[in-house]
Every structure is written in C-alpha cells, then in structure tokens.
Amino acid sequence: MVNSRHFPHPTSLSSFSHSFLSPRITLLISLLLVYVPLSQAQGRWRFYIAIGSSTTLNYTDCPIAGCSSAITLQMDACAPTTGWGSCGSLSWERDYTKDHKYLCFKDEQLGVHSDCDNVDEGYCPLWNCPHYHSGSSRAGISIKPLPAPQWPCQSHNCNPTQIIIQDPWNDKWLKGRMASIRIDGTGRDPYGIIRIYRAWYIPPIPPPSLPKIKKALTPFSLCRPA
C-alpha cells in the first residue's frame, strides 16, 4: 500500500507545488493560471466574407465590448465572380470601376419570383428582386463603391466595395447569409456568390516568457522514502 504521507491532499495545489515541483514548474503553473483567462477575455466577434466554406476574402472585428453598432466589410466586387458571371478581362474590370454595385441575399428572395432565388442567376436577375444598391438607400445594409487604390489597377483590385452592416448583433449572422454581389454594368451584370457570417474569434495565445534561472536545480524524486 502506498503511504499517504508521501502525497499532499489533491485540493492543496500550493502545498503540492512547493513540496514536489521545481521552482521553474511552479512559476509556469502560476503564469498559466493568470495568463490563459486574460488571453481568452480578448476574444471578440469577427465578421467574415467568404467564398464557399474555406476561402476567406476579408474580415473585420467588432469591438471587444460587442457588436453594438454598424460594422464595415470590404472586398473587391470582381473577386468572387466566376464562369459566365465573371467580370471578364482586366480591361472590363477597369471599366466597371465607375459602375454601381448591388447586393442580393438569398433569404430575401423567397416567394418574390422564381428567378430571384436561382443561384445560377445570381439570386436577383430582375430589378423587382430584393436588393441593396449603391445608388439608393435601404435599411439594414449599405453598399458603397470605393476608388481603385492605384491606377492602372490590377485584376481583383479595381472595384473595391464597402458593405456596411447596420445590425451586426442580429443572430441571423451567426448562421451565415448567402448573397451575390453584382455590378450594375453594361449588358449582363457580373456576379459572384459570397457568404457573410459572424463567428467568435480568440487570437492565438503566444507562450509565456519564463525568466532564466541561472542556478542549476538538483533533481529529486517525487516519491520520497518513508
């Protein structure tokens, strides 16, 4: 039978650490007990714009206090476009810089018109489909084209666009909302399918820096003789 005198009571962490652990290990435990909760407290809500489930176009963080006011996301309107909804060549992308942009959410298209909920049509091929347009105002979301950061611009850098979400605290963003971002250009409007969602983000915790102990420590056994 193991002599119980050799081991402190399991609830006595202080007694255990001082009796059986080296000063370096004791210091590490103390730092972790304080450091980890402080690091977790720095977590915050983050809004993402993504293509599919794995490609993030951009993100922005809510304040640590919470998503209590409007937040702004930014992306290039041509970045998610593909196939026949593509912006086309670089010269076309440059031509689109002067055009309005608009946003159509899938969950707003139901029951309006059969084509409005058609992903192959970018959700809103008709003007009577619900949408948010940079040339008009509508409660909930604002969309605003920005000037190209440099000229001549390069592909996927010619049509920067701001999406301003007025109700970031709404739980609908936790589920994520599918949408198409479109350009009100000449002929067929280019479009790309995106997903906007909110998720809790905790920054990676860097390892704590331990002070150097110059004096060599004498190893000893955890199990002392009776």
Protein backbone atom coordinates (compact mmCIF):
# COMPACT_ATOMS: atom_id res chain seq x y z
CA MET A 1 0.00 0.00 0.00
CA VAL A 2 1.26 3.49 -0.80
CA ASN A 3 1.96 5.56 2.27
CA SER A 4 -0.44 8.53 2.12
CA ARG A 5 2.12 10.71 3.89
CA HIS A 6 4.08 10.93 0.64
CA PHE A 7 1.33 12.81 -1.27
CA PRO A 8 -0.50 16.01 -0.30
CA HIS A 9 -4.28 16.35 -0.47
CA PRO A 10 -5.32 16.79 -4.15
CA THR A 11 -7.01 20.11 -3.40
CA SER A 12 -3.85 21.59 -1.96
CA LEU A 13 -2.18 22.90 -5.17
CA SER A 14 0.02 25.28 -3.24
CA SER A 15 1.28 22.54 -0.93
CA PHE A 16 1.82 20.20 -3.88
CA SER A 17 3.70 22.75 -5.97
CA HIS A 18 6.01 23.87 -3.18
CA SER A 19 6.72 20.36 -1.94
CA PHE A 20 7.12 18.38 -5.13
CA LEU A 21 7.66 20.67 -8.13
CA SER A 22 10.74 22.58 -9.12
CA PRO A 23 10.60 26.41 -8.95
CA ARG A 24 10.50 26.59 -12.77
CA ILE A 25 7.41 24.36 -13.00
CA THR A 26 5.72 26.18 -10.13
CA LEU A 27 6.28 29.51 -11.89
CA LEU A 28 4.90 28.12 -15.16
CA ILE A 29 1.70 26.92 -13.44
CA SER A 30 1.24 30.32 -11.79
CA LEU A 31 1.69 32.14 -15.10
CA LEU A 32 -0.78 29.88 -16.90
CA LEU A 33 -3.43 30.27 -14.21
CA VAL A 34 -3.33 34.03 -14.71
CA TYR A 35 -2.34 34.33 -18.37
CA VAL A 36 -4.83 31.99 -20.05
CA PRO A 37 -8.02 33.61 -18.67
CA LEU A 38 -6.69 37.06 -19.61
CA SER A 39 -5.99 35.88 -23.16
CA GLN A 40 -9.42 34.30 -23.53
CA ALA A 41 -11.00 37.56 -22.39
CA GLN A 42 -9.55 39.21 -25.51
CA GLY A 43 -11.78 37.13 -27.79
CA ARG A 44 -14.26 39.01 -29.93
CA TRP A 45 -16.86 38.63 -32.65
CA ARG A 46 -15.47 38.65 -36.18
CA PHE A 47 -17.39 39.11 -39.44
CA TYR A 48 -16.18 37.20 -42.50
CA ILE A 49 -16.81 37.44 -46.22
CA ALA A 50 -16.12 34.05 -47.74
CA ILE A 51 -16.43 32.09 -50.95
CA GLY A 52 -17.81 28.67 -50.10
CA SER A 53 -16.69 27.17 -46.80
CA SER A 54 -12.92 27.62 -46.98
CA THR A 55 -11.88 30.78 -48.88
CA THR A 56 -12.00 33.98 -46.83
CA LEU A 57 -11.97 37.19 -48.86
CA ASN A 58 -11.79 39.53 -45.91
CA TYR A 59 -12.92 40.04 -42.32
CA THR A 60 -13.42 42.75 -39.75
CA ASP A 61 -13.68 42.62 -35.96
CA CYS A 62 -16.37 44.01 -33.73
CA PRO A 63 -15.10 45.94 -30.69
CA ILE A 64 -14.27 43.81 -27.65
CA ALA A 65 -17.37 45.26 -25.95
CA GLY A 66 -19.54 43.61 -28.65
CA CYS A 67 -21.26 44.22 -31.98
CA SER A 68 -23.47 47.05 -30.81
CA SER A 69 -23.03 49.38 -33.79
CA ALA A 70 -22.60 49.17 -37.57
CA ILE A 71 -19.53 47.37 -38.92
CA THR A 72 -17.87 47.71 -42.32
CA LEU A 73 -16.56 44.92 -44.52
CA GLN A 74 -14.57 45.48 -47.69
CA MET A 75 -13.98 43.35 -50.75
CA ASP A 76 -13.42 43.64 -54.49
CA ALA A 77 -16.69 43.09 -56.36
CA CYS A 78 -14.96 41.05 -59.08
CA ALA A 79 -13.04 38.74 -56.72
CA PRO A 80 -15.76 36.06 -56.29
CA THR A 81 -17.05 36.14 -59.88
CA THR A 82 -16.56 33.02 -61.99
CA GLY A 83 -17.82 31.41 -65.18
CA TRP A 84 -20.44 33.27 -67.13
CA GLY A 85 -20.96 35.61 -64.16
CA SER A 86 -17.31 36.66 -64.32
CA CYS A 87 -16.16 40.25 -64.69
CA GLY A 88 -14.18 39.14 -67.71
CA SER A 89 -10.87 40.62 -68.79
CA LEU A 90 -8.81 43.19 -66.91
CA SER A 91 -9.99 45.91 -69.29
CA TRP A 92 -13.59 45.10 -68.32
CA GLU A 93 -12.72 45.20 -64.63
CA ARG A 94 -11.28 48.66 -65.15
CA ASP A 95 -14.43 49.77 -66.97
CA TYR A 96 -16.58 48.58 -64.06
CA THR A 97 -14.86 50.93 -61.59
CA LYS A 98 -17.36 53.70 -62.38
CA ASP A 99 -20.44 51.48 -62.11
CA HIS A 100 -22.79 50.93 -59.17
CA LYS A 101 -22.62 47.74 -57.14
CA TYR A 102 -25.52 45.90 -55.53
CA LEU A 103 -26.06 43.03 -53.12
CA CYS A 104 -28.78 40.35 -53.10
CA PHE A 105 -29.35 38.00 -50.15
CA LYS A 106 -30.76 34.55 -50.83
CA ASP A 107 -33.00 34.55 -47.74
CA GLU A 108 -34.81 37.67 -49.01
CA GLN A 109 -35.69 36.22 -52.42
CA LEU A 110 -38.14 33.51 -51.37
CA GLY A 111 -41.68 33.98 -52.62
CA VAL A 112 -40.90 37.00 -54.82
CA HIS A 113 -40.21 35.44 -58.22
CA SER A 114 -38.89 32.04 -59.24
CA ASP A 115 -35.75 33.55 -60.82
CA CYS A 116 -34.97 35.63 -57.73
CA ASP A 117 -34.00 32.52 -55.75
CA ASN A 118 -32.00 31.00 -58.60
CA VAL A 119 -28.32 30.77 -57.69
CA ASP A 120 -27.43 30.36 -61.38
CA GLU A 121 -28.88 33.81 -61.94
CA GLY A 122 -27.04 35.35 -59.00
CA TYR A 123 -30.25 35.40 -56.89
CA CYS A 124 -31.59 38.67 -58.34
CA PRO A 125 -31.54 38.92 -62.15
CA LEU A 126 -34.66 41.12 -62.05
CA TRP A 127 -34.90 44.60 -60.57
CA ASN A 128 -38.02 43.65 -58.61
CA CYS A 129 -35.95 41.08 -56.68
CA PRO A 130 -34.96 42.45 -53.24
CA HIS A 131 -31.51 44.03 -53.34
CA TYR A 132 -29.28 46.71 -51.84
CA HIS A 133 -27.96 49.17 -54.43
CA SER A 134 -25.14 51.70 -54.05
CA GLY A 135 -27.27 54.24 -55.92
CA SER A 136 -30.11 54.12 -53.40
CA SER A 137 -30.68 53.63 -49.69
CA ARG A 138 -32.40 50.78 -47.88
CA ALA A 139 -32.50 49.99 -44.16
CA GLY A 140 -30.24 47.24 -42.86
CA ILE A 141 -27.29 47.29 -45.25
CA SER A 142 -25.43 49.92 -47.25
CA ILE A 143 -23.12 49.19 -50.17
CA LYS A 144 -20.58 51.72 -51.37
CA PRO A 145 -18.07 51.52 -54.27
CA LEU A 146 -14.62 52.91 -53.49
CA PRO A 147 -11.97 54.35 -55.81
CA ALA A 148 -9.35 51.91 -57.04
CA PRO A 149 -6.30 52.12 -54.73
CA GLN A 150 -3.96 52.68 -57.66
CA TRP A 151 -4.14 53.23 -61.40
CA PRO A 152 -3.82 51.38 -63.61
CA CYS A 153 -5.39 48.83 -61.28
CA GLN A 154 -4.75 45.11 -61.42
CA SER A 155 -7.22 42.22 -61.52
CA HIS A 156 -9.42 41.91 -58.42
CA ASN A 157 -8.17 45.28 -57.24
CA CYS A 158 -10.19 47.62 -59.46
CA ASN A 159 -13.60 47.50 -57.78
CA PRO A 160 -13.15 47.80 -54.01
CA THR A 161 -16.55 47.87 -52.33
CA GLN A 162 -17.69 48.53 -48.78
CA ILE A 163 -20.55 46.59 -47.23
CA ILE A 164 -21.89 48.29 -44.11
CA ILE A 165 -23.98 46.06 -41.84
CA GLN A 166 -26.30 48.09 -39.64
CA ASP A 167 -27.43 45.22 -37.36
CA PRO A 168 -24.33 43.11 -36.65
CA TRP A 169 -25.79 41.97 -33.31
CA ASN A 170 -28.62 40.09 -35.07
CA ASP A 171 -28.36 36.31 -34.66
CA LYS A 172 -29.08 35.76 -38.36
CA TRP A 173 -25.38 36.49 -38.98
CA LEU A 174 -24.38 33.55 -36.77
CA LYS A 175 -25.98 31.15 -39.25
CA GLY A 176 -24.40 32.99 -42.15
CA ARG A 177 -26.19 34.55 -45.11
CA MET A 178 -25.62 33.62 -48.72
CA ALA A 179 -25.64 36.52 -51.14
CA SER A 180 -24.50 37.64 -54.56
CA ILE A 181 -22.56 40.81 -55.12
CA ARG A 182 -23.24 42.27 -58.55
CA ILE A 183 -22.08 45.13 -60.75
CA ASP A 184 -24.67 47.31 -62.48
CA GLY A 185 -22.71 47.41 -65.71
CA THR A 186 -23.42 47.38 -69.43
CA GLY A 187 -25.14 44.21 -70.67
CA ARG A 188 -25.22 41.19 -68.36
CA ASP A 189 -24.31 42.18 -64.79
CA PRO A 190 -21.36 40.21 -63.38
CA TYR A 191 -21.98 38.47 -60.08
CA GLY A 192 -20.24 36.32 -57.50
CA ILE A 193 -21.71 34.20 -54.71
CA ILE A 194 -20.45 35.01 -51.22
CA ARG A 195 -21.29 34.14 -47.63
CA ILE A 196 -21.27 36.69 -44.81
CA TYR A 197 -21.22 35.37 -41.27
CA ARG A 198 -20.22 36.16 -37.69
CA ALA A 199 -18.09 33.87 -35.53
CA TRP A 200 -16.33 34.09 -32.16
CA TYR A 201 -12.60 34.57 -32.59
CA ILE A 202 -9.88 34.09 -29.98
CA PRO A 203 -6.37 35.21 -31.02
CA PRO A 204 -3.64 32.57 -30.73
CA ILE A 205 -2.04 32.56 -27.29
CA PRO A 206 1.73 33.04 -27.50
CA PRO A 207 3.73 31.05 -24.94
CA PRO A 208 4.56 33.00 -21.78
CA SER A 209 8.15 34.12 -21.43
CA LEU A 210 9.82 32.49 -18.44
CA PRO A 211 12.71 34.16 -16.63
CA LYS A 212 16.04 32.38 -16.89
CA ILE A 213 17.17 30.51 -13.79
CA LYS A 214 20.94 30.59 -13.66
CA LYS A 215 21.45 28.23 -10.76
CA ALA A 216 21.23 24.56 -11.68
CA LEU A 217 18.40 22.74 -9.92
CA THR A 218 19.03 19.48 -8.10
CA PRO A 219 16.71 16.75 -9.43
CA PHE A 220 14.76 14.75 -6.90
CA SER A 221 12.20 12.00 -6.89
CA LEU A 222 8.50 12.72 -6.46
CA CYS A 223 8.28 9.70 -4.19
CA ARG A 224 10.27 10.29 -1.01
CA PRO A 225 11.25 7.37 1.18
CA ALA A 226 9.01 6.84 4.21
